[in-house]
Amino acid sequence: MGAAHDGGYLLPDDLEGIRACFSPGVSDEISFDKDLARLGMQVFLCDGSLEQPPKTLPNMDFMPCHVGAITDADQMSLHDWVDSRAPQGDLLLQMDIEGAEYEVLDALPDATLGRFRILVIEFHQMEDVFDAPWLTRADRVMDKILRQFRPVHLHENNYDVPLTVGRLKFPTVFEVTFLRRDRAFSPDCKIKIPHPLDQLNAPHLPKWRMPEFWNA
């Protein structure tokens, strides 16, 4: 869904019945959101760096605000945003907020997280993996997600130079698609990296492969 390269994401074929998508951090790339809107979903967008994204569709609602861990004069928490906007039924979250995803998800109540059927999250700052406080929060967020969701797709973002540790290379930014566990009907399914439909985020930059153990 979305653009062929940056701005496009792989989703499980389980979109029917999802009532709305919440998409914080849109910038001026909303091809993914438009594809979902064309399927009939209500799409909620927010970005504090924009006055208005380009050429939205009638069922797209934009809020010029950042999403954060709390609601104050400069930002709105993801819980408050969902609580004030979401219709009844399953939701979809597509999040690309440049590193703020950890604090936002850390503060999100489990019940609100469970309203989403699918999560598509771009995780940043993997260069900080050896920083103990950062790793503690990142581990806590991943554990929180994995209690209710299973990863169904993993894609490295090739915009940044990979982190090299010995003979291994890791992405500093990667995209993960999660499916809520009550919708994941095949517990033995393995993630294939790369997926045949994967495209480079940046076709003009070098391509590199993730370590094989990421398939485990």
Protein backbone atom coordinates (compact mmCIF):
# COMPACT_ATOMS: atom_id res chain seq x y z
CA MET A 1 0.00 0.00 0.00
CA GLY A 2 1.27 3.47 -0.80
CA ALA A 3 4.20 4.56 -2.95
CA ALA A 4 6.48 1.98 -4.52
CA HIS A 5 9.45 3.10 -2.43
CA ASP A 6 9.52 5.40 0.62
CA GLY A 7 5.96 5.83 1.87
CA GLY A 8 4.84 2.32 0.93
CA TYR A 9 4.24 -0.54 3.39
CA LEU A 10 3.34 -4.23 3.21
CA LEU A 11 0.16 -5.20 5.05
CA PRO A 12 -1.47 -8.55 5.75
CA ASP A 13 -4.51 -9.31 3.62
CA ASP A 14 -6.83 -8.62 6.55
CA LEU A 15 -8.13 -5.10 5.98
CA GLU A 16 -11.83 -5.85 5.63
CA GLY A 17 -13.75 -4.45 8.57
CA ILE A 18 -11.07 -2.04 9.76
CA ARG A 19 -12.96 1.16 10.43
CA ALA A 20 -10.20 3.76 10.61
CA CYS A 21 -6.48 4.38 10.28
CA PHE A 22 -4.50 6.66 12.59
CA SER A 23 -1.38 8.02 10.93
CA PRO A 24 0.87 10.33 12.98
CA GLY A 25 3.92 11.90 11.36
CA VAL A 26 2.74 12.13 7.75
CA SER A 27 4.91 14.99 6.40
CA ASP A 28 3.99 15.50 2.73
CA GLU A 29 3.93 11.76 1.83
CA ILE A 30 0.38 10.48 2.21
CA SER A 31 0.15 7.90 -0.59
CA PHE A 32 -0.33 5.08 1.96
CA ASP A 33 -3.10 6.99 3.70
CA LYS A 34 -4.82 7.77 0.42
CA ASP A 35 -4.80 4.10 -0.58
CA LEU A 36 -6.55 3.22 2.68
CA ALA A 37 -9.01 6.09 2.28
CA ARG A 38 -9.90 4.80 -1.20
CA LEU A 39 -10.79 1.47 0.42
CA GLY A 40 -13.38 3.34 2.47
CA MET A 41 -11.51 3.74 5.77
CA GLN A 42 -11.73 6.94 7.74
CA VAL A 43 -8.12 8.19 7.94
CA PHE A 44 -6.90 10.44 10.74
CA LEU A 45 -3.63 12.28 10.12
CA CYS A 46 -1.53 14.49 12.35
CA ASP A 47 1.79 16.30 12.05
CA GLY A 48 2.84 19.37 13.96
CA SER A 49 5.26 20.44 11.22
CA LEU A 50 2.49 20.94 8.63
CA GLU A 51 -0.40 23.33 8.22
CA GLN A 52 -2.13 20.92 5.84
CA PRO A 53 -0.92 17.87 3.85
CA PRO A 54 -1.38 17.99 0.07
CA LYS A 55 -4.61 16.95 -1.63
CA THR A 56 -6.41 15.00 1.08
CA LEU A 57 -9.58 13.04 0.30
CA PRO A 58 -13.00 13.72 1.87
CA ASN A 59 -12.67 10.88 4.41
CA MET A 60 -9.26 12.12 5.64
CA ASP A 61 -9.12 14.25 8.80
CA PHE A 62 -5.93 16.23 9.54
CA MET A 63 -4.80 17.70 12.86
CA PRO A 64 -1.74 20.05 12.85
CA CYS A 65 -0.34 18.64 16.08
CA HIS A 66 2.40 16.29 17.25
CA VAL A 67 1.58 13.01 18.97
CA GLY A 68 3.41 12.57 22.26
CA ALA A 69 3.36 10.69 25.54
CA ILE A 70 0.99 13.22 27.12
CA THR A 71 -1.53 15.82 26.02
CA ASP A 72 -0.53 19.43 26.56
CA ALA A 73 -0.41 22.70 24.59
CA ASP A 74 2.04 21.29 22.03
CA GLN A 75 0.98 17.69 21.58
CA MET A 76 -1.76 15.11 22.04
CA SER A 77 -1.30 11.63 23.42
CA LEU A 78 -2.14 8.75 21.11
CA HIS A 79 -4.73 7.53 23.63
CA ASP A 80 -6.51 10.90 23.72
CA TRP A 81 -6.41 11.19 19.93
CA VAL A 82 -7.91 7.73 19.42
CA ASP A 83 -10.43 8.21 22.22
CA SER A 84 -11.68 11.47 20.71
CA ARG A 85 -11.90 10.33 17.10
CA ALA A 86 -12.16 6.58 16.66
CA PRO A 87 -15.39 4.87 15.62
CA GLN A 88 -16.30 1.51 17.13
CA GLY A 89 -14.47 -1.45 15.63
CA ASP A 90 -10.92 -2.38 14.68
CA LEU A 91 -8.35 0.26 13.79
CA LEU A 92 -5.01 0.46 11.99
CA LEU A 93 -1.96 2.43 13.17
CA GLN A 94 0.77 3.67 10.81
CA MET A 95 3.43 5.52 12.79
CA ASP A 96 6.57 7.30 11.58
CA ILE A 97 7.48 9.92 14.18
CA GLU A 98 11.28 9.96 14.03
CA GLY A 99 12.16 8.30 17.32
CA ALA A 100 9.25 9.52 19.46
CA GLU A 101 7.50 6.17 18.90
CA TYR A 102 9.09 4.66 22.03
CA GLU A 103 7.75 7.25 24.48
CA VAL A 104 4.36 7.37 22.73
CA LEU A 105 3.87 3.60 22.83
CA ASP A 106 5.33 3.33 26.33
CA ALA A 107 2.59 5.66 27.59
CA LEU A 108 -0.25 4.05 25.59
CA PRO A 109 -2.71 1.99 27.71
CA ASP A 110 -2.84 -1.68 26.73
CA ALA A 111 -6.59 -1.44 26.11
CA THR A 112 -6.10 1.34 23.56
CA LEU A 113 -3.26 -0.54 21.87
CA GLY A 114 -5.53 -3.56 21.56
CA ARG A 115 -8.06 -1.57 19.55
CA PHE A 116 -5.67 -1.75 16.59
CA ARG A 117 -5.81 -4.83 14.39
CA ILE A 118 -2.65 -3.89 12.48
CA LEU A 119 0.35 -1.79 13.48
CA VAL A 120 2.85 -0.45 10.94
CA ILE A 121 5.65 1.25 12.83
CA GLU A 122 8.95 2.69 11.70
CA PHE A 123 11.47 2.24 14.52
CA HIS A 124 14.42 4.63 14.72
CA GLN A 125 17.62 5.15 16.72
CA MET A 126 19.00 1.62 16.61
CA GLU A 127 22.42 3.24 16.77
CA ASP A 128 21.61 3.73 20.48
CA VAL A 129 21.22 0.00 21.09
CA PHE A 130 24.23 -0.03 23.44
CA ASP A 131 22.84 2.82 25.55
CA ALA A 132 21.32 1.11 28.62
CA PRO A 133 18.44 3.56 29.36
CA TRP A 134 17.40 3.65 25.70
CA LEU A 135 17.55 -0.14 25.42
CA THR A 136 15.50 -0.58 28.60
CA ARG A 137 12.67 1.53 27.19
CA ALA A 138 12.88 -0.06 23.73
CA ASP A 139 12.72 -3.56 25.26
CA ARG A 140 9.73 -2.54 27.37
CA VAL A 141 7.91 -1.20 24.31
CA MET A 142 8.64 -4.30 22.23
CA ASP A 143 7.48 -6.59 25.03
CA LYS A 144 4.30 -4.54 25.35
CA ILE A 145 3.56 -4.87 21.63
CA LEU A 146 4.39 -8.58 21.45
CA ARG A 147 1.97 -9.45 24.24
CA GLN A 148 -0.90 -8.59 21.87
CA PHE A 149 0.66 -8.72 18.38
CA ARG A 150 2.82 -10.87 16.15
CA PRO A 151 5.30 -9.40 13.64
CA VAL A 152 4.32 -10.37 10.10
CA HIS A 153 6.74 -8.22 8.08
CA LEU A 154 10.14 -6.64 8.67
CA HIS A 155 11.86 -4.24 6.30
CA GLU A 156 15.13 -2.35 6.67
CA ASN A 157 15.21 1.32 5.64
CA ASN A 158 18.28 1.95 3.49
CA TYR A 159 18.30 5.74 3.87
CA ASP A 160 20.77 5.54 6.78
CA VAL A 161 24.16 3.87 6.95
CA PRO A 162 23.83 0.54 8.81
CA LEU A 163 25.33 0.02 12.23
CA THR A 164 28.31 -2.34 12.00
CA VAL A 165 29.08 -4.62 14.94
CA GLY A 166 31.91 -7.00 14.16
CA ARG A 167 30.89 -8.80 10.98
CA LEU A 168 27.20 -7.98 11.35
CA LYS A 169 25.27 -5.02 10.02
CA PHE A 170 22.03 -3.76 11.54
CA PRO A 171 19.56 -1.18 10.27
CA THR A 172 19.36 1.98 12.34
CA VAL A 173 15.80 2.41 11.02
CA PHE A 174 13.42 -0.44 10.21
CA GLU A 175 9.73 -0.91 9.52
CA VAL A 176 7.67 -3.60 11.22
CA THR A 177 4.11 -4.69 10.46
CA PHE A 178 2.33 -6.37 13.38
CA LEU A 179 -0.95 -8.29 13.32
CA ARG A 180 -3.03 -8.67 16.47
CA ARG A 181 -2.72 -12.21 17.81
CA ASP A 182 -6.43 -12.99 17.62
CA ARG A 183 -6.14 -12.41 13.83
CA ALA A 184 -2.89 -14.38 13.38
CA PHE A 185 -4.30 -17.79 12.53
CA SER A 186 -1.00 -19.52 11.67
CA PRO A 187 1.29 -19.56 14.74
CA ASP A 188 4.06 -21.42 12.85
CA CYS A 189 4.31 -18.80 10.08
CA LYS A 190 7.86 -17.51 9.54
CA ILE A 191 8.76 -14.01 8.37
CA LYS A 192 10.59 -14.10 5.06
CA ILE A 193 13.33 -11.45 4.67
CA PRO A 194 13.35 -9.98 2.15
CA HIS A 195 9.75 -10.38 1.03
CA PRO A 196 9.24 -10.68 -2.76
CA LEU A 197 7.20 -7.45 -2.71
CA ASP A 198 9.82 -5.45 -0.82
CA GLN A 199 11.18 -2.30 -2.45
CA LEU A 200 14.07 -0.08 -1.41
CA ASN A 201 13.04 3.03 0.51
CA ALA A 202 15.73 4.92 -1.42
CA PRO A 203 16.39 3.33 -4.85
CA HIS A 204 19.33 5.72 -5.45
CA LEU A 205 21.21 4.46 -2.36
CA PRO A 206 23.06 1.15 -1.86
CA LYS A 207 21.10 -1.98 -1.09
CA TRP A 208 22.21 -4.25 1.72
CA ARG A 209 20.90 -7.42 3.31
CA MET A 210 19.90 -7.87 6.90
CA PRO A 211 21.62 -10.66 8.90
CA GLU A 212 20.03 -14.06 8.34
CA PHE A 213 19.18 -14.51 12.05
CA TRP A 214 16.51 -11.76 11.67
CA ASN A 215 14.46 -14.52 9.98
CA ALA A 216 14.41 -16.53 13.22
